[in-house]
Amino acid sequence: MKNWVIFLISGRGLDPNEITKILNIKPDRIRSNDLDGTISWQLNSTLEGHRNLSEHIEDILKRLYPVRKQIQGLSKKYEILFVCNFNLEQSENYIKIPAKYLSIIGYLGANLEIYF
């Protein structure tokens, strides 16, 4: 397993084409959950799996920076989420995420989930 981060905008009634148009960013994946009716618009980190978690977060934040205000607006209607996987075998025994990244994630109205 390797380290990775994905960025999701999810919700019922979400139109992925509308999100793509608002952000002017093509998603890496569109997912549908038939059980609860949610649709997710997804961006994946482009870095290799051996890179640390903060580098993966930074990679996505750099791509989102030009549209941060649009994302903040979308957070009032949809769930905004950073989902992270942290591989303890390839990394230190701790995670250090710089405060500036946490501030930006909060500004976007996003939640951060980290899985080990």
N, C-alpha and C. Protein backbone atom coordinates (compact mmCIF):
# COMPACT_ATOMS: atom_id res chain seq x y z
N MET A 1 0.85 -1.18 0.00
CA MET A 1 0.00 0.00 0.00
C MET A 1 0.89 1.23 0.00
N LYS A 2 0.39 2.29 -0.55
CA LYS A 2 1.18 3.51 -0.61
C LYS A 2 0.38 4.70 -0.12
N ASN A 3 1.06 5.82 0.04
CA ASN A 3 0.41 7.06 0.46
C ASN A 3 -0.32 7.67 -0.73
N TRP A 4 -1.50 8.19 -0.47
CA TRP A 4 -2.25 8.90 -1.51
C TRP A 4 -3.27 9.82 -0.87
N VAL A 5 -3.73 10.79 -1.66
CA VAL A 5 -4.77 11.73 -1.24
C VAL A 5 -5.72 11.94 -2.40
N ILE A 6 -7.01 11.96 -2.09
CA ILE A 6 -8.01 12.34 -3.08
C ILE A 6 -8.84 13.48 -2.52
N PHE A 7 -9.35 14.29 -3.41
CA PHE A 7 -10.23 15.41 -3.08
C PHE A 7 -11.59 15.09 -3.65
N LEU A 8 -12.63 15.19 -2.82
CA LEU A 8 -13.98 14.86 -3.27
C LEU A 8 -14.94 16.01 -3.02
N ILE A 9 -15.83 16.19 -3.97
CA ILE A 9 -17.02 17.01 -3.77
C ILE A 9 -18.18 16.04 -3.97
N SER A 10 -19.00 15.86 -2.94
CA SER A 10 -20.03 14.83 -2.98
C SER A 10 -21.37 15.38 -2.52
N GLY A 11 -22.42 14.76 -3.04
CA GLY A 11 -23.76 15.10 -2.57
C GLY A 11 -24.84 14.50 -3.43
N ARG A 12 -26.03 14.51 -2.90
CA ARG A 12 -27.18 14.09 -3.68
C ARG A 12 -27.54 15.19 -4.66
N GLY A 13 -27.87 14.79 -5.85
CA GLY A 13 -28.23 15.77 -6.86
C GLY A 13 -27.04 16.51 -7.46
N LEU A 14 -25.83 16.11 -7.12
CA LEU A 14 -24.64 16.75 -7.66
C LEU A 14 -24.55 16.45 -9.16
N ASP A 15 -24.32 17.48 -9.94
CA ASP A 15 -24.13 17.32 -11.38
C ASP A 15 -22.62 17.48 -11.65
N PRO A 16 -21.92 16.39 -11.96
CA PRO A 16 -20.47 16.48 -12.18
C PRO A 16 -20.09 17.47 -13.28
N ASN A 17 -20.91 17.58 -14.30
CA ASN A 17 -20.61 18.54 -15.38
C ASN A 17 -20.66 19.97 -14.87
N GLU A 18 -21.59 20.25 -13.96
CA GLU A 18 -21.68 21.59 -13.39
C GLU A 18 -20.43 21.91 -12.56
N ILE A 19 -19.97 20.93 -11.77
CA ILE A 19 -18.76 21.13 -10.95
C ILE A 19 -17.55 21.37 -11.86
N THR A 20 -17.44 20.57 -12.90
CA THR A 20 -16.33 20.72 -13.86
C THR A 20 -16.36 22.10 -14.49
N LYS A 21 -17.55 22.58 -14.83
CA LYS A 21 -17.68 23.90 -15.45
C LYS A 21 -17.34 25.02 -14.45
N ILE A 22 -17.82 24.90 -13.23
CA ILE A 22 -17.56 25.92 -12.21
C ILE A 22 -16.06 26.02 -11.90
N LEU A 23 -15.42 24.86 -11.76
CA LEU A 23 -14.00 24.84 -11.38
C LEU A 23 -13.05 24.90 -12.57
N ASN A 24 -13.55 24.60 -13.75
CA ASN A 24 -12.72 24.53 -14.95
C ASN A 24 -11.56 23.55 -14.75
N ILE A 25 -11.86 22.45 -14.06
CA ILE A 25 -10.90 21.37 -13.83
C ILE A 25 -11.61 20.06 -14.18
N LYS A 26 -10.94 19.24 -14.97
CA LYS A 26 -11.51 17.94 -15.32
C LYS A 26 -11.26 16.96 -14.16
N PRO A 27 -12.31 16.27 -13.70
CA PRO A 27 -12.10 15.32 -12.60
C PRO A 27 -11.32 14.10 -13.06
N ASP A 28 -10.67 13.44 -12.10
CA ASP A 28 -10.00 12.19 -12.39
C ASP A 28 -10.98 11.02 -12.38
N ARG A 29 -12.08 11.22 -11.65
CA ARG A 29 -13.07 10.16 -11.56
C ARG A 29 -14.41 10.73 -11.09
N ILE A 30 -15.48 10.15 -11.57
CA ILE A 30 -16.84 10.43 -11.10
C ILE A 30 -17.35 9.12 -10.50
N ARG A 31 -17.86 9.19 -9.27
CA ARG A 31 -18.36 7.97 -8.63
C ARG A 31 -19.81 8.17 -8.21
N SER A 32 -20.58 7.11 -8.35
CA SER A 32 -21.98 7.11 -7.91
C SER A 32 -22.17 6.05 -6.85
N ASN A 33 -22.88 6.41 -5.80
CA ASN A 33 -23.22 5.45 -4.75
C ASN A 33 -24.72 5.20 -4.84
N ASP A 34 -25.08 4.05 -5.36
CA ASP A 34 -26.49 3.71 -5.54
C ASP A 34 -27.22 3.52 -4.22
N LEU A 35 -26.50 3.21 -3.16
CA LEU A 35 -27.13 2.97 -1.86
C LEU A 35 -27.71 4.25 -1.25
N ASP A 36 -26.95 5.34 -1.32
CA ASP A 36 -27.44 6.58 -0.71
C ASP A 36 -27.72 7.69 -1.73
N GLY A 37 -27.49 7.42 -3.00
CA GLY A 37 -27.83 8.39 -4.05
C GLY A 37 -26.84 9.52 -4.21
N THR A 38 -25.66 9.41 -3.60
CA THR A 38 -24.69 10.49 -3.75
C THR A 38 -23.81 10.27 -4.98
N ILE A 39 -23.37 11.38 -5.51
CA ILE A 39 -22.43 11.38 -6.63
C ILE A 39 -21.20 12.16 -6.16
N SER A 40 -20.02 11.67 -6.52
CA SER A 40 -18.77 12.30 -6.10
C SER A 40 -17.93 12.68 -7.31
N TRP A 41 -17.44 13.91 -7.28
CA TRP A 41 -16.50 14.46 -8.26
C TRP A 41 -15.14 14.36 -7.59
N GLN A 42 -14.15 13.73 -8.23
CA GLN A 42 -12.90 13.37 -7.56
C GLN A 42 -11.65 13.82 -8.30
N LEU A 43 -10.69 14.37 -7.53
CA LEU A 43 -9.34 14.64 -8.01
C LEU A 43 -8.37 13.77 -7.22
N ASN A 44 -7.39 13.21 -7.90
CA ASN A 44 -6.37 12.38 -7.26
C ASN A 44 -5.04 13.12 -7.24
N SER A 45 -4.27 12.87 -6.19
CA SER A 45 -2.90 13.38 -6.17
C SER A 45 -2.13 12.75 -7.33
N THR A 46 -1.26 13.52 -7.94
CA THR A 46 -0.50 13.03 -9.08
C THR A 46 0.89 12.51 -8.69
N LEU A 47 1.20 12.55 -7.41
CA LEU A 47 2.53 12.14 -6.94
C LEU A 47 2.64 10.63 -6.78
N GLU A 48 3.87 10.16 -6.73
CA GLU A 48 4.14 8.74 -6.51
C GLU A 48 3.84 8.37 -5.07
N GLY A 49 3.51 7.12 -4.83
CA GLY A 49 3.07 6.65 -3.53
C GLY A 49 4.07 6.74 -2.41
N HIS A 50 5.36 6.82 -2.72
CA HIS A 50 6.37 6.90 -1.65
C HIS A 50 6.50 8.30 -1.06
N ARG A 51 5.89 9.30 -1.68
CA ARG A 51 5.96 10.68 -1.18
C ARG A 51 5.13 10.79 0.10
N ASN A 52 5.50 11.74 0.98
CA ASN A 52 4.78 11.85 2.24
C ASN A 52 3.41 12.51 2.05
N LEU A 53 2.58 12.35 3.05
CA LEU A 53 1.19 12.79 2.96
C LEU A 53 1.06 14.28 2.72
N SER A 54 1.90 15.09 3.39
CA SER A 54 1.78 16.54 3.17
C SER A 54 2.12 16.94 1.74
N GLU A 55 3.01 16.22 1.09
CA GLU A 55 3.32 16.52 -0.31
C GLU A 55 2.12 16.20 -1.20
N HIS A 56 1.41 15.12 -0.91
CA HIS A 56 0.21 14.78 -1.66
C HIS A 56 -0.87 15.84 -1.47
N ILE A 57 -1.05 16.29 -0.22
CA ILE A 57 -2.03 17.34 0.06
C ILE A 57 -1.65 18.61 -0.68
N GLU A 58 -0.37 18.97 -0.63
CA GLU A 58 0.11 20.17 -1.33
C GLU A 58 -0.14 20.07 -2.83
N ASP A 59 0.07 18.90 -3.41
CA ASP A 59 -0.16 18.70 -4.84
C ASP A 59 -1.59 19.05 -5.22
N ILE A 60 -2.54 18.57 -4.44
CA ILE A 60 -3.94 18.86 -4.74
C ILE A 60 -4.27 20.33 -4.45
N LEU A 61 -3.77 20.86 -3.33
CA LEU A 61 -4.06 22.26 -2.99
C LEU A 61 -3.54 23.22 -4.06
N LYS A 62 -2.39 22.93 -4.64
CA LYS A 62 -1.86 23.79 -5.71
C LYS A 62 -2.82 23.82 -6.90
N ARG A 63 -3.41 22.68 -7.21
CA ARG A 63 -4.35 22.61 -8.34
C ARG A 63 -5.66 23.33 -8.02
N LEU A 64 -6.03 23.34 -6.74
CA LEU A 64 -7.30 23.95 -6.33
C LEU A 64 -7.18 25.44 -6.00
N TYR A 65 -5.97 25.91 -5.76
CA TYR A 65 -5.78 27.29 -5.31
C TYR A 65 -6.48 28.33 -6.20
N PRO A 66 -6.38 28.24 -7.53
CA PRO A 66 -7.04 29.27 -8.35
C PRO A 66 -8.57 29.30 -8.22
N VAL A 67 -9.16 28.21 -7.74
CA VAL A 67 -10.63 28.15 -7.65
C VAL A 67 -11.10 27.99 -6.19
N ARG A 68 -10.30 28.43 -5.26
CA ARG A 68 -10.61 28.25 -3.84
C ARG A 68 -11.93 28.91 -3.44
N LYS A 69 -12.24 30.07 -3.99
CA LYS A 69 -13.50 30.75 -3.65
C LYS A 69 -14.71 29.99 -4.18
N GLN A 70 -14.57 29.41 -5.37
CA GLN A 70 -15.66 28.61 -5.92
C GLN A 70 -15.90 27.36 -5.07
N ILE A 71 -14.82 26.75 -4.61
CA ILE A 71 -14.96 25.56 -3.77
C ILE A 71 -15.62 25.93 -2.45
N GLN A 72 -15.21 27.05 -1.88
CA GLN A 72 -15.82 27.50 -0.63
C GLN A 72 -17.33 27.69 -0.82
N GLY A 73 -17.73 28.23 -1.96
CA GLY A 73 -19.15 28.39 -2.26
C GLY A 73 -19.86 27.05 -2.40
N LEU A 74 -19.20 26.09 -3.03
CA LEU A 74 -19.79 24.76 -3.20
C LEU A 74 -19.93 24.03 -1.86
N SER A 75 -19.10 24.38 -0.88
CA SER A 75 -19.16 23.70 0.42
C SER A 75 -20.46 23.97 1.17
N LYS A 76 -21.19 24.98 0.76
CA LYS A 76 -22.47 25.28 1.39
C LYS A 76 -23.57 24.33 0.91
N LYS A 77 -23.32 23.70 -0.24
CA LYS A 77 -24.33 22.81 -0.83
C LYS A 77 -23.89 21.33 -0.81
N TYR A 78 -22.59 21.09 -0.89
CA TYR A 78 -22.06 19.73 -0.99
C TYR A 78 -21.01 19.46 0.08
N GLU A 79 -20.71 18.19 0.30
CA GLU A 79 -19.63 17.82 1.21
C GLU A 79 -18.31 17.92 0.46
N ILE A 80 -17.35 18.59 1.06
CA ILE A 80 -16.01 18.74 0.50
C ILE A 80 -15.08 17.95 1.42
N LEU A 81 -14.25 17.09 0.83
CA LEU A 81 -13.50 16.15 1.65
C LEU A 81 -12.15 15.83 1.03
N PHE A 82 -11.12 15.82 1.88
CA PHE A 82 -9.81 15.27 1.52
C PHE A 82 -9.72 13.92 2.19
N VAL A 83 -9.52 12.86 1.41
CA VAL A 83 -9.37 11.52 1.96
C VAL A 83 -7.92 11.10 1.73
N CYS A 84 -7.25 10.71 2.81
CA CYS A 84 -5.83 10.38 2.76
C CYS A 84 -5.59 8.96 3.23
N ASN A 85 -4.66 8.30 2.59
CA ASN A 85 -4.19 7.00 3.04
C ASN A 85 -2.72 7.15 3.43
N PHE A 86 -2.40 6.69 4.62
CA PHE A 86 -1.05 6.82 5.16
C PHE A 86 -0.51 5.43 5.44
N ASN A 87 0.54 5.06 4.74
CA ASN A 87 1.14 3.74 4.89
C ASN A 87 2.26 3.80 5.92
N LEU A 88 2.03 3.18 7.06
CA LEU A 88 3.03 3.20 8.13
C LEU A 88 4.30 2.46 7.76
N GLU A 89 4.22 1.47 6.89
CA GLU A 89 5.40 0.70 6.52
C GLU A 89 6.39 1.52 5.71
N GLN A 90 5.91 2.48 4.93
CA GLN A 90 6.78 3.28 4.07
C GLN A 90 7.15 4.62 4.69
N SER A 91 6.60 4.95 5.85
CA SER A 91 6.73 6.30 6.39
C SER A 91 7.22 6.27 7.83
N GLU A 92 7.40 7.46 8.37
CA GLU A 92 7.68 7.62 9.79
C GLU A 92 6.45 7.13 10.56
N ASN A 93 6.54 7.10 11.87
CA ASN A 93 5.42 6.66 12.68
C ASN A 93 4.50 7.82 13.08
N TYR A 94 4.57 8.91 12.36
CA TYR A 94 3.72 10.05 12.65
C TYR A 94 3.37 10.78 11.35
N ILE A 95 2.38 11.63 11.45
CA ILE A 95 1.98 12.48 10.33
C ILE A 95 2.15 13.92 10.78
N LYS A 96 2.80 14.72 9.95
CA LYS A 96 2.93 16.14 10.24
C LYS A 96 2.37 16.89 9.03
N ILE A 97 1.27 17.58 9.26
CA ILE A 97 0.65 18.37 8.20
C ILE A 97 0.81 19.83 8.58
N PRO A 98 1.48 20.61 7.75
CA PRO A 98 1.72 22.02 8.07
C PRO A 98 0.43 22.79 8.34
N ALA A 99 0.50 23.70 9.29
CA ALA A 99 -0.66 24.50 9.68
C ALA A 99 -1.27 25.25 8.50
N LYS A 100 -0.41 25.71 7.57
CA LYS A 100 -0.95 26.46 6.42
C LYS A 100 -1.87 25.58 5.57
N TYR A 101 -1.56 24.29 5.44
CA TYR A 101 -2.42 23.39 4.68
C TYR A 101 -3.73 23.15 5.42
N LEU A 102 -3.64 23.01 6.74
CA LEU A 102 -4.86 22.82 7.53
C LEU A 102 -5.75 24.06 7.45
N SER A 103 -5.14 25.24 7.45
CA SER A 103 -5.91 26.49 7.33
C SER A 103 -6.62 26.57 5.98
N ILE A 104 -5.92 26.20 4.92
CA ILE A 104 -6.51 26.25 3.58
C ILE A 104 -7.65 25.24 3.47
N ILE A 105 -7.43 24.03 4.00
CA ILE A 105 -8.48 23.01 3.97
C ILE A 105 -9.72 23.52 4.71
N GLY A 106 -9.51 24.14 5.87
CA GLY A 106 -10.62 24.71 6.62
C GLY A 106 -11.30 25.84 5.87
N TYR A 107 -10.52 26.71 5.23
CA TYR A 107 -11.07 27.81 4.44
C TYR A 107 -11.96 27.29 3.33
N LEU A 108 -11.57 26.17 2.73
CA LEU A 108 -12.36 25.59 1.64
C LEU A 108 -13.68 25.01 2.15
N GLY A 109 -13.81 24.85 3.47
CA GLY A 109 -15.00 24.22 4.02
C GLY A 109 -14.92 22.70 3.93
N ALA A 110 -13.70 22.19 3.86
CA ALA A 110 -13.48 20.75 3.66
C ALA A 110 -13.16 20.05 4.98
N ASN A 111 -13.46 18.78 5.00
CA ASN A 111 -13.05 17.90 6.10
C ASN A 111 -11.84 17.11 5.64
N LEU A 112 -11.07 16.61 6.61
CA LEU A 112 -9.88 15.82 6.33
C LEU A 112 -10.02 14.48 7.03
N GLU A 113 -9.94 13.40 6.25
CA GLU A 113 -9.98 12.04 6.79
C GLU A 113 -8.67 11.36 6.46
N ILE A 114 -8.05 10.75 7.47
CA ILE A 114 -6.78 10.06 7.27
C ILE A 114 -6.95 8.61 7.71
N TYR A 115 -6.62 7.69 6.82
CA TYR A 115 -6.73 6.27 7.09
C TYR A 115 -5.33 5.66 7.15
N PHE A 116 -5.15 4.73 8.07
CA PHE A 116 -3.87 4.04 8.26
C PHE A 116 -3.98 2.61 7.79
